[in-house]
N, C-alpha and C. Protein backbone atom coordinates (compact mmCIF):
# COMPACT_ATOMS: atom_id res chain seq x y z
N MET A 1 0.84 -1.18 0.00
CA MET A 1 0.00 0.00 0.00
C MET A 1 0.89 1.24 0.00
N ILE A 2 0.61 2.16 -0.87
CA ILE A 2 1.38 3.39 -1.00
C ILE A 2 0.67 4.50 -0.21
N GLN A 3 1.45 5.17 0.63
CA GLN A 3 0.91 6.28 1.40
C GLN A 3 0.98 7.56 0.56
N LEU A 4 -0.13 8.29 0.49
CA LEU A 4 -0.11 9.56 -0.22
C LEU A 4 0.56 10.64 0.62
N HIS A 5 0.44 10.52 1.93
CA HIS A 5 1.04 11.49 2.84
C HIS A 5 1.76 10.72 3.95
N PRO A 6 2.96 10.21 3.68
CA PRO A 6 3.65 9.40 4.69
C PRO A 6 3.98 10.16 5.97
N GLU A 7 4.20 11.47 5.86
CA GLU A 7 4.50 12.25 7.06
C GLU A 7 3.30 12.26 8.01
N ASP A 8 2.10 12.43 7.46
CA ASP A 8 0.88 12.41 8.28
C ASP A 8 0.70 11.05 8.93
N ALA A 9 0.97 9.99 8.19
CA ALA A 9 0.84 8.64 8.72
C ALA A 9 1.84 8.42 9.85
N MET A 10 3.04 8.96 9.72
CA MET A 10 4.05 8.82 10.76
C MET A 10 3.64 9.55 12.03
N VAL A 11 3.13 10.77 11.89
CA VAL A 11 2.67 11.53 13.06
C VAL A 11 1.54 10.79 13.76
N ASP A 12 0.59 10.26 12.99
CA ASP A 12 -0.51 9.50 13.58
C ASP A 12 0.00 8.27 14.32
N ALA A 13 0.96 7.58 13.74
CA ALA A 13 1.53 6.40 14.39
C ALA A 13 2.25 6.78 15.68
N MET A 14 2.98 7.89 15.65
CA MET A 14 3.68 8.35 16.85
C MET A 14 2.68 8.68 17.95
N LEU A 15 1.60 9.35 17.60
CA LEU A 15 0.60 9.72 18.60
C LEU A 15 -0.14 8.49 19.13
N ARG A 16 -0.38 7.49 18.28
CA ARG A 16 -1.00 6.25 18.76
C ARG A 16 -0.10 5.56 19.77
N GLY A 17 1.19 5.52 19.49
CA GLY A 17 2.15 4.92 20.41
C GLY A 17 2.23 5.68 21.72
N TRP A 18 2.20 6.99 21.62
CA TRP A 18 2.25 7.82 22.82
C TRP A 18 0.99 7.61 23.66
N ARG A 19 -0.16 7.51 22.97
CA ARG A 19 -1.43 7.26 23.66
C ARG A 19 -1.36 5.92 24.39
N ALA A 20 -0.86 4.90 23.73
CA ALA A 20 -0.76 3.57 24.36
C ALA A 20 0.16 3.63 25.57
N GLN A 21 1.23 4.37 25.46
CA GLN A 21 2.17 4.50 26.57
C GLN A 21 1.51 5.18 27.77
N GLN A 22 0.74 6.22 27.51
CA GLN A 22 0.04 6.92 28.59
C GLN A 22 -1.04 6.05 29.22
N MET A 23 -1.74 5.28 28.39
CA MET A 23 -2.77 4.39 28.91
C MET A 23 -2.16 3.32 29.80
N SER A 24 -0.97 2.84 29.43
CA SER A 24 -0.31 1.81 30.22
C SER A 24 0.11 2.34 31.59
N ARG A 25 0.26 3.66 31.69
CA ARG A 25 0.60 4.27 32.97
C ARG A 25 -0.64 4.60 33.79
N GLY A 26 -1.82 4.31 33.23
CA GLY A 26 -3.07 4.49 33.96
C GLY A 26 -3.64 5.89 33.92
N LEU A 27 -3.23 6.69 32.95
CA LEU A 27 -3.78 8.03 32.85
C LEU A 27 -5.21 7.98 32.32
N LYS A 28 -6.01 8.96 32.71
CA LYS A 28 -7.41 9.01 32.29
C LYS A 28 -7.52 9.45 30.83
N GLU A 29 -8.59 9.02 30.19
CA GLU A 29 -8.82 9.34 28.78
C GLU A 29 -8.86 10.85 28.55
N GLY A 30 -9.47 11.58 29.47
CA GLY A 30 -9.55 13.03 29.32
C GLY A 30 -8.18 13.68 29.31
N THR A 31 -7.29 13.20 30.13
CA THR A 31 -5.92 13.73 30.18
C THR A 31 -5.19 13.44 28.87
N ILE A 32 -5.33 12.21 28.40
CA ILE A 32 -4.65 11.81 27.17
C ILE A 32 -5.19 12.59 25.98
N ALA A 33 -6.52 12.70 25.89
CA ALA A 33 -7.14 13.41 24.77
C ALA A 33 -6.72 14.88 24.76
N GLY A 34 -6.67 15.50 25.92
CA GLY A 34 -6.24 16.90 25.99
C GLY A 34 -4.81 17.10 25.52
N ARG A 35 -3.95 16.19 25.91
CA ARG A 35 -2.56 16.28 25.48
C ARG A 35 -2.43 16.08 23.97
N GLU A 36 -3.19 15.13 23.45
CA GLU A 36 -3.14 14.88 22.01
C GLU A 36 -3.66 16.09 21.22
N ARG A 37 -4.74 16.70 21.71
CA ARG A 37 -5.26 17.90 21.05
C ARG A 37 -4.22 19.00 21.03
N LEU A 38 -3.49 19.16 22.12
CA LEU A 38 -2.45 20.18 22.20
C LEU A 38 -1.37 19.93 21.15
N ILE A 39 -0.93 18.69 21.04
CA ILE A 39 0.11 18.35 20.05
C ILE A 39 -0.40 18.58 18.63
N ARG A 40 -1.64 18.18 18.37
CA ARG A 40 -2.19 18.38 17.02
C ARG A 40 -2.35 19.87 16.68
N ARG A 41 -2.76 20.68 17.66
CA ARG A 41 -2.87 22.12 17.43
C ARG A 41 -1.50 22.73 17.17
N PHE A 42 -0.50 22.30 17.94
CA PHE A 42 0.86 22.81 17.74
C PHE A 42 1.37 22.44 16.35
N HIS A 43 1.11 21.20 15.94
CA HIS A 43 1.52 20.76 14.60
C HIS A 43 0.83 21.60 13.53
N GLU A 44 -0.44 21.86 13.71
CA GLU A 44 -1.18 22.68 12.75
C GLU A 44 -0.62 24.11 12.71
N PHE A 45 -0.29 24.65 13.87
CA PHE A 45 0.24 26.01 13.96
C PHE A 45 1.60 26.14 13.27
N THR A 46 2.48 25.18 13.54
CA THR A 46 3.83 25.27 12.99
C THR A 46 3.90 24.78 11.55
N ASN A 47 2.97 23.91 11.18
CA ASN A 47 2.96 23.29 9.85
C ASN A 47 4.28 22.58 9.57
N GLU A 48 4.85 22.00 10.62
CA GLU A 48 6.09 21.24 10.53
C GLU A 48 5.88 19.87 11.13
N TYR A 49 6.68 18.90 10.69
CA TYR A 49 6.63 17.56 11.23
C TYR A 49 7.75 17.37 12.24
N PRO A 50 7.47 16.56 13.27
CA PRO A 50 8.53 16.33 14.27
C PRO A 50 9.71 15.57 13.70
């Protein structure tokens, strides 16, 4: 399968891994979702990939 936007796929994969890591530490869904929203807003603002 060819990715049309591999950078976007990589960011999504990184955030999924980060979410799993936070869940394994027992953090609440609201905490995790808020952090993810912050990262996505920052990415949108900078228009750069990590």
